[in-house]
Amino acid sequence: MEMASVTIRGCALCTVTLLNFAFVFLSGADFIRFISFRAIYHNITGETTLCQDSIPWSEALRDRSVLKSLVMDAALLALFTVQHSLLAWLPVKQACQSILGSLNRTAYCFTTALALQILMHYWQPVTGAPCLWSVRHAPWSVWFPLLCFAVHFFCWAIICTILMMFDYPELLGIKQVYYQCLGMGDPLSYKSSQAQRFLSHFRHPVCLELGVVLWLLPALSLDRLLLALTMSVYLALAHSLDKQDLAFLCDQLNSKFQLLTEPHRAKAPTASLDSKHKEK
């Protein structure tokens, strides 16, 4: 009877985690469309309806519809940043861990994806103000949007590759549930102390690529400026790498290159992300 209840609980945990994975994956795809390709689509022919360059800034900034849209967008960004920061705050994180257990990371990813869905669904484009810049003259009115599309596609490919290499199952909470079902505890406990320290300072290793995606556009509207500026500042403040983290990262990269160039001679890294031996 007890074994059956354990099996049922494990199946329920796995089901919740896999459903959450599907929701987060779809939300990530929506986010790519929202933040990148939708903005480029408006410019792909060299024309844009995102802005009204004929309206002077003095008049646009007094327009109640423009101000209302900016306030709404700022509130949506505040919702996302508060959710993302509050649940990562150590006291709240420890409280959630004590209540949710192995589902703590799953809940964090779910609420993050939900906040993104709310942000994308209720986002208000500012179309009654001039663009800060807009590429409209031939031949760049055609070629520059295509160049932006190629760069954005390349950046998103890099981001997805990095996330896959950066223990993606642990990042989404799948590994926590899997380890819990096998009675192995927290997967972070199997990582070296250097890796745990690095992850605490640099949980999302996509700052540079996401920064390019946020700012490289054929036309920059006022609402996009608010989005890019807020997320850029948040990314800059959210990470606190130091010399020890950089030394660890360089050691990991060197060991990976060694494995690629001399696989028969390369030694296993002493402080890998999945090391089972901690530093004393």
C-alpha atoms as a PDB file:
ATOM      1  CA  MET A   1       0.000   0.000   0.000  1.00  0.00           C
ATOM      2  CA  GLU A   2       2.778   2.373   0.928  1.00  0.00           C
ATOM      3  CA  MET A   3       4.668   1.502  -2.250  1.00  0.00           C
ATOM      4  CA  ALA A   4       1.544   2.216  -4.315  1.00  0.00           C
ATOM      5  CA  SER A   5       1.093   5.623  -2.695  1.00  0.00           C
ATOM      6  CA  VAL A   6       4.741   6.454  -3.383  1.00  0.00           C
ATOM      7  CA  THR A   7       4.314   5.421  -7.021  1.00  0.00           C
ATOM      8  CA  ILE A   8       1.147   7.481  -7.407  1.00  0.00           C
ATOM      9  CA  ARG A   9       2.858  10.498  -5.837  1.00  0.00           C
ATOM     10  CA  GLY A  10       5.843  10.096  -8.154  1.00  0.00           C
ATOM     11  CA  CYS A  11       3.575   9.853 -11.213  1.00  0.00           C
ATOM     12  CA  ALA A  12       1.690  12.965 -10.087  1.00  0.00           C
ATOM     13  CA  LEU A  13       4.947  14.902  -9.603  1.00  0.00           C
ATOM     14  CA  CYS A  14       6.220  13.834 -13.016  1.00  0.00           C
ATOM     15  CA  THR A  15       2.929  14.801 -14.674  1.00  0.00           C
ATOM     16  CA  VAL A  16       2.939  18.253 -13.089  1.00  0.00           C
ATOM     17  CA  THR A  17       6.574  18.785 -14.072  1.00  0.00           C
ATOM     18  CA  LEU A  18       6.062  17.712 -17.690  1.00  0.00           C
ATOM     19  CA  LEU A  19       2.946  19.882 -18.059  1.00  0.00           C
ATOM     20  CA  ASN A  20       4.923  22.794 -16.660  1.00  0.00           C
ATOM     21  CA  PHE A  21       7.742  22.058 -19.120  1.00  0.00           C
ATOM     22  CA  ALA A  22       5.257  22.246 -22.005  1.00  0.00           C
ATOM     23  CA  PHE A  23       3.824  25.533 -20.705  1.00  0.00           C
ATOM     24  CA  VAL A  24       7.285  27.074 -20.200  1.00  0.00           C
ATOM     25  CA  PHE A  25       8.431  25.886 -23.639  1.00  0.00           C
ATOM     26  CA  LEU A  26       5.393  27.400 -25.375  1.00  0.00           C
ATOM     27  CA  SER A  27       5.775  30.610 -23.361  1.00  0.00           C
ATOM     28  CA  GLY A  28       9.413  30.803 -24.433  1.00  0.00           C
ATOM     29  CA  ALA A  29       8.385  30.436 -28.071  1.00  0.00           C
ATOM     30  CA  ASP A  30       5.775  33.181 -27.619  1.00  0.00           C
ATOM     31  CA  PHE A  31       8.402  35.381 -25.981  1.00  0.00           C
ATOM     32  CA  ILE A  32      10.744  34.948 -28.961  1.00  0.00           C
ATOM     33  CA  ARG A  33       7.929  35.942 -31.296  1.00  0.00           C
ATOM     34  CA  PHE A  34       6.941  38.892 -29.115  1.00  0.00           C
ATOM     35  CA  ILE A  35      10.347  40.353 -28.375  1.00  0.00           C
ATOM     36  CA  SER A  36      12.079  39.656 -31.637  1.00  0.00           C
ATOM     37  CA  PHE A  37      10.315  38.569 -34.813  1.00  0.00           C
ATOM     38  CA  ARG A  38       7.060  40.482 -34.359  1.00  0.00           C
ATOM     39  CA  ALA A  39       9.017  43.725 -34.054  1.00  0.00           C
ATOM     40  CA  ILE A  40      11.037  42.936 -37.185  1.00  0.00           C
ATOM     41  CA  TYR A  41       7.947  41.860 -39.142  1.00  0.00           C
ATOM     42  CA  HIS A  42       6.590  45.420 -39.043  1.00  0.00           C
ATOM     43  CA  ASN A  43       9.772  46.570 -40.780  1.00  0.00           C
ATOM     44  CA  ILE A  44      10.516  43.722 -43.162  1.00  0.00           C
ATOM     45  CA  THR A  45       9.274  45.731 -46.185  1.00  0.00           C
ATOM     46  CA  GLY A  46      10.885  48.975 -45.085  1.00  0.00           C
ATOM     47  CA  GLU A  47       7.605  50.446 -43.894  1.00  0.00           C
ATOM     48  CA  THR A  48       6.512  50.760 -40.275  1.00  0.00           C
ATOM     49  CA  THR A  49       3.269  51.560 -38.506  1.00  0.00           C
ATOM     50  CA  LEU A  50       4.888  51.537 -35.093  1.00  0.00           C
ATOM     51  CA  CYS A  51       5.421  55.298 -34.896  1.00  0.00           C
ATOM     52  CA  GLN A  52       4.103  58.683 -35.960  1.00  0.00           C
ATOM     53  CA  ASP A  53       7.183  60.706 -36.876  1.00  0.00           C
ATOM     54  CA  SER A  54       5.034  63.656 -37.965  1.00  0.00           C
ATOM     55  CA  ILE A  55       3.965  64.240 -34.342  1.00  0.00           C
ATOM     56  CA  PRO A  56       6.467  66.301 -32.316  1.00  0.00           C
ATOM     57  CA  TRP A  57       7.753  64.875 -29.032  1.00  0.00           C
ATOM     58  CA  SER A  58       6.308  67.757 -27.033  1.00  0.00           C
ATOM     59  CA  GLU A  59       2.839  66.870 -28.261  1.00  0.00           C
ATOM     60  CA  ALA A  60       3.315  63.085 -28.061  1.00  0.00           C
ATOM     61  CA  LEU A  61       4.417  63.176 -24.427  1.00  0.00           C
ATOM     62  CA  ARG A  62       1.250  65.110 -23.528  1.00  0.00           C
ATOM     63  CA  ASP A  63      -0.988  62.629 -25.317  1.00  0.00           C
ATOM     64  CA  ARG A  64      -3.050  60.761 -22.719  1.00  0.00           C
ATOM     65  CA  SER A  65      -3.173  57.592 -24.837  1.00  0.00           C
ATOM     66  CA  VAL A  66       0.620  57.523 -25.046  1.00  0.00           C
ATOM     67  CA  LEU A  67       1.014  58.075 -21.303  1.00  0.00           C
ATOM     68  CA  LYS A  68      -1.650  55.472 -20.528  1.00  0.00           C
ATOM     69  CA  SER A  69       0.140  52.886 -22.672  1.00  0.00           C
ATOM     70  CA  LEU A  70       3.491  53.643 -21.043  1.00  0.00           C
ATOM     71  CA  VAL A  71       2.021  53.359 -17.540  1.00  0.00           C
ATOM     72  CA  MET A  72       0.399  50.040 -18.435  1.00  0.00           C
ATOM     73  CA  ASP A  73       3.625  48.687 -19.912  1.00  0.00           C
ATOM     74  CA  ALA A  74       5.640  49.858 -16.911  1.00  0.00           C
ATOM     75  CA  ALA A  75       3.191  48.079 -14.587  1.00  0.00           C
ATOM     76  CA  LEU A  76       3.548  44.862 -16.598  1.00  0.00           C
ATOM     77  CA  LEU A  77       7.333  45.079 -16.438  1.00  0.00           C
ATOM     78  CA  ALA A  78       7.121  45.727 -12.691  1.00  0.00           C
ATOM     79  CA  LEU A  79       4.963  42.617 -12.297  1.00  0.00           C
ATOM     80  CA  PHE A  80       7.536  40.483 -14.082  1.00  0.00           C
ATOM     81  CA  THR A  81      10.577  41.877 -12.256  1.00  0.00           C
ATOM     82  CA  VAL A  82       8.894  41.642  -8.835  1.00  0.00           C
ATOM     83  CA  GLN A  83       7.850  38.029  -9.462  1.00  0.00           C
ATOM     84  CA  HIS A  84      11.275  37.079 -10.787  1.00  0.00           C
ATOM     85  CA  SER A  85      13.122  38.753  -7.912  1.00  0.00           C
ATOM     86  CA  LEU A  86      10.766  38.009  -5.022  1.00  0.00           C
ATOM     87  CA  LEU A  87      10.682  34.254  -5.603  1.00  0.00           C
ATOM     88  CA  ALA A  88      14.479  34.243  -5.955  1.00  0.00           C
ATOM     89  CA  TRP A  89      14.916  36.117  -2.642  1.00  0.00           C
ATOM     90  CA  LEU A  90      16.494  33.718  -0.157  1.00  0.00           C
ATOM     91  CA  PRO A  91      13.853  33.897   2.638  1.00  0.00           C
ATOM     92  CA  VAL A  92      10.998  33.422   0.143  1.00  0.00           C
ATOM     93  CA  LYS A  93      12.963  30.733  -1.672  1.00  0.00           C
ATOM     94  CA  GLN A  94      13.529  28.824   1.556  1.00  0.00           C
ATOM     95  CA  ALA A  95       9.852  29.140   2.530  1.00  0.00           C
ATOM     96  CA  CYS A  96       8.731  27.865  -0.883  1.00  0.00           C
ATOM     97  CA  GLN A  97      11.252  25.038  -0.657  1.00  0.00           C
ATOM     98  CA  SER A  98       9.863  23.930   2.697  1.00  0.00           C
ATOM     99  CA  ILE A  99       6.297  23.958   1.329  1.00  0.00           C
ATOM    100  CA  LEU A 100       6.755  22.712  -2.236  1.00  0.00           C
ATOM    101  CA  GLY A 101       9.842  20.538  -1.894  1.00  0.00           C
ATOM    102  CA  SER A 102      11.041  19.221  -5.242  1.00  0.00           C
ATOM    103  CA  LEU A 103       8.365  21.284  -7.034  1.00  0.00           C
ATOM    104  CA  ASN A 104       9.911  24.568  -5.901  1.00  0.00           C
ATOM    105  CA  ARG A 105      11.858  25.155  -9.118  1.00  0.00           C
ATOM    106  CA  THR A 106       8.854  24.012 -11.172  1.00  0.00           C
ATOM    107  CA  ALA A 107       6.653  26.582  -9.433  1.00  0.00           C
ATOM    108  CA  TYR A 108       9.248  29.296 -10.024  1.00  0.00           C
ATOM    109  CA  CYS A 109       9.401  28.533 -13.748  1.00  0.00           C
ATOM    110  CA  PHE A 110       5.601  28.339 -13.974  1.00  0.00           C
ATOM    111  CA  THR A 111       5.054  31.727 -12.337  1.00  0.00           C
ATOM    112  CA  THR A 112       7.786  33.244 -14.523  1.00  0.00           C
ATOM    113  CA  ALA A 113       6.133  31.918 -17.679  1.00  0.00           C
ATOM    114  CA  LEU A 114       2.729  33.091 -16.421  1.00  0.00           C
ATOM    115  CA  ALA A 115       4.099  36.590 -15.756  1.00  0.00           C
ATOM    116  CA  LEU A 116       5.553  36.637 -19.280  1.00  0.00           C
ATOM    117  CA  GLN A 117       2.226  35.553 -20.758  1.00  0.00           C
ATOM    118  CA  ILE A 118       0.442  38.367 -18.909  1.00  0.00           C
ATOM    119  CA  LEU A 119       3.072  40.862 -20.064  1.00  0.00           C
ATOM    120  CA  MET A 120       2.816  39.787 -23.708  1.00  0.00           C
ATOM    121  CA  HIS A 121      -0.997  39.587 -23.729  1.00  0.00           C
ATOM    122  CA  TYR A 122      -1.625  43.012 -22.186  1.00  0.00           C
ATOM    123  CA  TRP A 123       1.351  44.901 -23.651  1.00  0.00           C
ATOM    124  CA  GLN A 124       0.292  48.255 -25.138  1.00  0.00           C
ATOM    125  CA  PRO A 125       2.266  49.419 -28.208  1.00  0.00           C
ATOM    126  CA  VAL A 126       2.844  53.170 -28.334  1.00  0.00           C
ATOM    127  CA  THR A 127       1.861  54.175 -31.862  1.00  0.00           C
ATOM    128  CA  GLY A 128       1.100  57.853 -31.222  1.00  0.00           C
ATOM    129  CA  ALA A 129       4.700  58.999 -30.742  1.00  0.00           C
ATOM    130  CA  PRO A 130       7.780  59.230 -32.993  1.00  0.00           C
ATOM    131  CA  CYS A 131      10.335  56.435 -33.191  1.00  0.00           C
ATOM    132  CA  LEU A 132      13.703  57.017 -31.590  1.00  0.00           C
ATOM    133  CA  TRP A 133      15.175  55.632 -34.801  1.00  0.00           C
ATOM    134  CA  SER A 134      13.760  54.114 -37.954  1.00  0.00           C
ATOM    135  CA  VAL A 135      15.575  52.807 -41.036  1.00  0.00           C
ATOM    136  CA  ARG A 136      13.409  53.846 -43.983  1.00  0.00           C
ATOM    137  CA  HIS A 137      15.684  54.797 -46.865  1.00  0.00           C
ATOM    138  CA  ALA A 138      16.507  52.387 -49.681  1.00  0.00           C
ATOM    139  CA  PRO A 139      18.295  50.048 -49.923  1.00  0.00           C
ATOM    140  CA  TRP A 140      18.673  49.685 -46.135  1.00  0.00           C
ATOM    141  CA  SER A 141      14.903  49.833 -45.626  1.00  0.00           C
ATOM    142  CA  VAL A 142      14.839  46.275 -46.995  1.00  0.00           C
ATOM    143  CA  TRP A 143      18.274  44.911 -46.170  1.00  0.00           C
ATOM    144  CA  PHE A 144      18.568  46.093 -42.593  1.00  0.00           C
ATOM    145  CA  PRO A 145      15.376  44.298 -41.391  1.00  0.00           C
ATOM    146  CA  LEU A 146      16.641  41.131 -43.068  1.00  0.00           C
ATOM    147  CA  LEU A 147      20.006  41.598 -41.367  1.00  0.00           C
ATOM    148  CA  CYS A 148      18.232  42.050 -38.019  1.00  0.00           C
ATOM    149  CA  PHE A 149      16.239  38.883 -38.653  1.00  0.00           C
ATOM    150  CA  ALA A 150      19.421  36.896 -39.316  1.00  0.00           C
ATOM    151  CA  VAL A 151      21.193  38.287 -36.236  1.00  0.00           C
ATOM    152  CA  HIS A 152      18.164  37.647 -34.031  1.00  0.00           C
ATOM    153  CA  PHE A 153      17.850  34.084 -35.321  1.00  0.00           C
ATOM    154  CA  PHE A 154      21.541  33.505 -34.614  1.00  0.00           C
ATOM    155  CA  CYS A 155      21.274  34.972 -31.099  1.00  0.00           C
ATOM    156  CA  TRP A 156      18.264  32.819 -30.232  1.00  0.00           C
ATOM    157  CA  ALA A 157      20.084  29.746 -31.540  1.00  0.00           C
ATOM    158  CA  ILE A 158      23.025  30.580 -29.245  1.00  0.00           C
ATOM    159  CA  ILE A 159      20.675  31.142 -26.289  1.00  0.00           C
ATOM    160  CA  CYS A 160      18.960  27.790 -26.811  1.00  0.00           C
ATOM    161  CA  THR A 161      22.331  26.039 -27.171  1.00  0.00           C
ATOM    162  CA  ILE A 162      23.675  27.603 -23.972  1.00  0.00           C
ATOM    163  CA  LEU A 163      20.555  26.651 -22.030  1.00  0.00           C
ATOM    164  CA  MET A 164      20.835  23.077 -23.249  1.00  0.00           C
ATOM    165  CA  MET A 165      24.468  22.938 -22.141  1.00  0.00           C
ATOM    166  CA  PHE A 166      23.687  24.657 -18.834  1.00  0.00           C
ATOM    167  CA  ASP A 167      21.776  21.737 -17.275  1.00  0.00           C
ATOM    168  CA  TYR A 168      18.410  22.605 -18.787  1.00  0.00           C
ATOM    169  CA  PRO A 169      16.479  19.875 -16.880  1.00  0.00           C
ATOM    170  CA  GLU A 170      17.704  21.259 -13.551  1.00  0.00           C
ATOM    171  CA  LEU A 171      16.927  24.822 -14.643  1.00  0.00           C
ATOM    172  CA  LEU A 172      13.276  23.891 -15.301  1.00  0.00           C
ATOM    173  CA  GLY A 173      12.844  21.706 -12.227  1.00  0.00           C
ATOM    174  CA  ILE A 174      12.644  18.392 -14.086  1.00  0.00           C
ATOM    175  CA  LYS A 175      15.802  16.957 -12.542  1.00  0.00           C
ATOM    176  CA  GLN A 176      14.649  17.889  -9.013  1.00  0.00           C
ATOM    177  CA  VAL A 177      11.520  15.737  -9.382  1.00  0.00           C
ATOM    178  CA  TYR A 178      13.438  12.922 -11.067  1.00  0.00           C
ATOM    179  CA  TYR A 179      16.009  12.827  -8.257  1.00  0.00           C
ATOM    180  CA  GLN A 180      13.231  13.009  -5.671  1.00  0.00           C
ATOM    181  CA  CYS A 181      11.472   9.970  -7.188  1.00  0.00           C
ATOM    182  CA  LEU A 182      14.747   8.033  -7.070  1.00  0.00           C
ATOM    183  CA  GLY A 183      15.479   9.121  -3.501  1.00  0.00           C
ATOM    184  CA  MET A 184      18.642  10.978  -4.522  1.00  0.00           C
ATOM    185  CA  GLY A 185      17.843  14.370  -2.958  1.00  0.00           C
ATOM    186  CA  ASP A 186      18.633  17.758  -4.486  1.00  0.00           C
ATOM    187  CA  PRO A 187      20.621  17.631  -7.768  1.00  0.00           C
ATOM    188  CA  LEU A 188      22.478  20.785  -6.740  1.00  0.00           C
ATOM    189  CA  SER A 189      24.120  18.785  -3.935  1.00  0.00           C
ATOM    190  CA  TYR A 190      25.897  16.712  -6.609  1.00  0.00           C
ATOM    191  CA  LYS A 191      27.564  19.784  -8.063  1.00  0.00           C
ATOM    192  CA  SER A 192      30.888  21.088  -6.855  1.00  0.00           C
ATOM    193  CA  SER A 193      30.998  24.055  -4.502  1.00  0.00           C
ATOM    194  CA  GLN A 194      32.485  26.145  -7.315  1.00  0.00           C
ATOM    195  CA  ALA A 195      29.608  25.216  -9.621  1.00  0.00           C
ATOM    196  CA  GLN A 196      27.009  26.019  -6.950  1.00  0.00           C
ATOM    197  CA  ARG A 197      28.645  29.394  -6.336  1.00  0.00           C
ATOM    198  CA  PHE A 198      28.747  30.115 -10.068  1.00  0.00           C
ATOM    199  CA  LEU A 199      25.078  29.215 -10.537  1.00  0.00           C
ATOM    200  CA  SER A 200      24.034  31.430  -7.634  1.00  0.00           C
ATOM    201  CA  HIS A 201      25.700  34.406  -9.346  1.00  0.00           C
ATOM    202  CA  PHE A 202      24.874  33.617 -12.952  1.00  0.00           C
ATOM    203  CA  ARG A 203      21.666  31.619 -13.231  1.00  0.00           C
ATOM    204  CA  HIS A 204      20.748  32.788 -16.764  1.00  0.00           C
ATOM    205  CA  PRO A 205      23.832  32.902 -19.015  1.00  0.00           C
ATOM    206  CA  VAL A 206      22.204  34.780 -21.903  1.00  0.00           C
ATOM    207  CA  CYS A 207      22.884  38.444 -21.109  1.00  0.00           C
ATOM    208  CA  LEU A 208      24.886  39.431 -24.192  1.00  0.00           C
ATOM    209  CA  GLU A 209      22.662  37.687 -26.743  1.00  0.00           C
ATOM    210  CA  LEU A 210      19.443  38.947 -25.161  1.00  0.00           C
ATOM    211  CA  GLY A 211      20.887  42.461 -25.078  1.00  0.00           C
ATOM    212  CA  VAL A 212      21.502  42.319 -28.832  1.00  0.00           C
ATOM    213  CA  VAL A 213      17.953  41.068 -29.439  1.00  0.00           C
ATOM    214  CA  LEU A 214      16.476  43.835 -27.287  1.00  0.00           C
ATOM    215  CA  TRP A 215      18.232  46.720 -29.008  1.00  0.00           C
ATOM    216  CA  LEU A 216      19.008  45.678 -32.605  1.00  0.00           C
ATOM    217  CA  LEU A 217      15.839  46.646 -34.478  1.00  0.00           C
ATOM    218  CA  PRO A 218      15.042  48.590 -37.662  1.00  0.00           C
ATOM    219  CA  ALA A 219      12.730  50.888 -35.662  1.00  0.00           C
ATOM    220  CA  LEU A 220      12.759  51.640 -31.934  1.00  0.00           C
ATOM    221  CA  SER A 221       9.400  52.789 -30.606  1.00  0.00           C
ATOM    222  CA  LEU A 222       8.823  54.351 -27.197  1.00  0.00           C
ATOM    223  CA  ASP A 223       7.326  51.209 -25.663  1.00  0.00           C
ATOM    224  CA  ARG A 224      10.190  49.104 -27.032  1.00  0.00           C
ATOM    225  CA  LEU A 225      12.657  51.532 -25.461  1.00  0.00           C
ATOM    226  CA  LEU A 226      10.943  51.010 -22.106  1.00  0.00           C
ATOM    227  CA  LEU A 227      11.067  47.223 -22.544  1.00  0.00           C
ATOM    228  CA  ALA A 228      14.711  47.120 -23.677  1.00  0.00           C
ATOM    229  CA  LEU A 229      15.929  49.561 -21.030  1.00  0.00           C
ATOM    230  CA  THR A 230      14.125  47.838 -18.158  1.00  0.00           C
ATOM    231  CA  MET A 231      15.266  44.336 -19.096  1.00  0.00           C
ATOM    232  CA  SER A 232      18.833  45.476 -19.784  1.00  0.00           C
ATOM    233  CA  VAL A 233      19.111  47.118 -16.369  1.00  0.00           C
ATOM    234  CA  TYR A 234      17.530  44.092 -14.708  1.00  0.00           C
ATOM    235  CA  LEU A 235      19.957  41.718 -16.430  1.00  0.00           C
ATOM    236  CA  ALA A 236      22.898  43.897 -15.423  1.00  0.00           C
ATOM    237  CA  LEU A 237      21.804  44.002 -11.770  1.00  0.00           C
ATOM    238  CA  ALA A 238      20.738  40.363 -11.517  1.00  0.00           C
ATOM    239  CA  HIS A 239      24.193  38.878 -11.954  1.00  0.00           C
ATOM    240  CA  SER A 240      27.277  39.358  -9.785  1.00  0.00           C
ATOM    241  CA  LEU A 241      30.132  37.409 -11.301  1.00  0.00           C
ATOM    242  CA  ASP A 242      33.553  37.814  -9.693  1.00  0.00           C
ATOM    243  CA  LYS A 243      37.077  36.572 -10.349  1.00  0.00           C
ATOM    244  CA  GLN A 244      36.439  33.169  -8.786  1.00  0.00           C
ATOM    245  CA  ASP A 245      33.407  32.610 -11.026  1.00  0.00           C
ATOM    246  CA  LEU A 246      35.325  33.673 -14.107  1.00  0.00           C
ATOM    247  CA  ALA A 247      38.224  31.408 -13.175  1.00  0.00           C
ATOM    248  CA  PHE A 248      35.806  28.497 -12.782  1.00  0.00           C
ATOM    249  CA  LEU A 249      34.174  29.273 -16.134  1.00  0.00           C
ATOM    250  CA  CYS A 250      37.555  29.486 -17.889  1.00  0.00           C
ATOM    251  CA  ASP A 251      38.556  26.150 -16.349  1.00  0.00           C
ATOM    252  CA  GLN A 252      35.336  24.578 -17.639  1.00  0.00           C
ATOM    253  CA  LEU A 253      35.810  26.005 -21.128  1.00  0.00           C
ATOM    254  CA  ASN A 254      39.439  24.838 -21.266  1.00  0.00           C
ATOM    255  CA  SER A 255      38.455  21.323 -20.224  1.00  0.00           C
ATOM    256  CA  LYS A 256      35.695  21.253 -22.865  1.00  0.00           C
ATOM    257  CA  PHE A 257      38.123  22.378 -25.571  1.00  0.00           C
ATOM    258  CA  GLN A 258      40.586  19.754 -24.395  1.00  0.00           C
ATOM    259  CA  LEU A 259      37.927  17.067 -24.675  1.00  0.00           C
ATOM    260  CA  LEU A 260      37.142  18.212 -28.223  1.00  0.00           C
ATOM    261  CA  THR A 261      40.743  18.448 -29.411  1.00  0.00           C
ATOM    262  CA  GLU A 262      42.266  15.488 -27.541  1.00  0.00           C
ATOM    263  CA  PRO A 263      39.424  13.224 -26.380  1.00  0.00           C
ATOM    264  CA  HIS A 264      41.756  10.256 -25.729  1.00  0.00           C
ATOM    265  CA  ARG A 265      44.123  12.305 -23.541  1.00  0.00           C
ATOM    266  CA  ALA A 266      41.729  14.692 -21.811  1.00  0.00           C
ATOM    267  CA  LYS A 267      41.227  14.279 -18.134  1.00  0.00           C
ATOM    268  CA  ALA A 268      37.884  14.699 -16.418  1.00  0.00           C
ATOM    269  CA  PRO A 269      37.426  18.246 -15.073  1.00  0.00           C
ATOM    270  CA  THR A 270      37.957  18.559 -11.364  1.00  0.00           C
ATOM    271  CA  ALA A 271      35.123  21.039 -10.785  1.00  0.00           C
ATOM    272  CA  SER A 272      32.519  20.225 -13.401  1.00  0.00           C
ATOM    273  CA  LEU A 273      28.891  21.285 -13.108  1.00  0.00           C
ATOM    274  CA  ASP A 274      27.895  17.676 -12.366  1.00  0.00           C
ATOM    275  CA  SER A 275      30.789  16.696 -10.118  1.00  0.00           C
ATOM    276  CA  LYS A 276      29.878  14.372  -7.261  1.00  0.00           C
ATOM    277  CA  HIS A 277      32.735  15.568  -5.086  1.00  0.00           C
ATOM    278  CA  LYS A 278      32.562  18.842  -3.246  1.00  0.00           C
ATOM    279  CA  GLU A 279      35.463  20.924  -2.139  1.00  0.00           C
ATOM    280  CA  LYS A 280      36.204  20.642   1.526  1.00  0.00           C
END
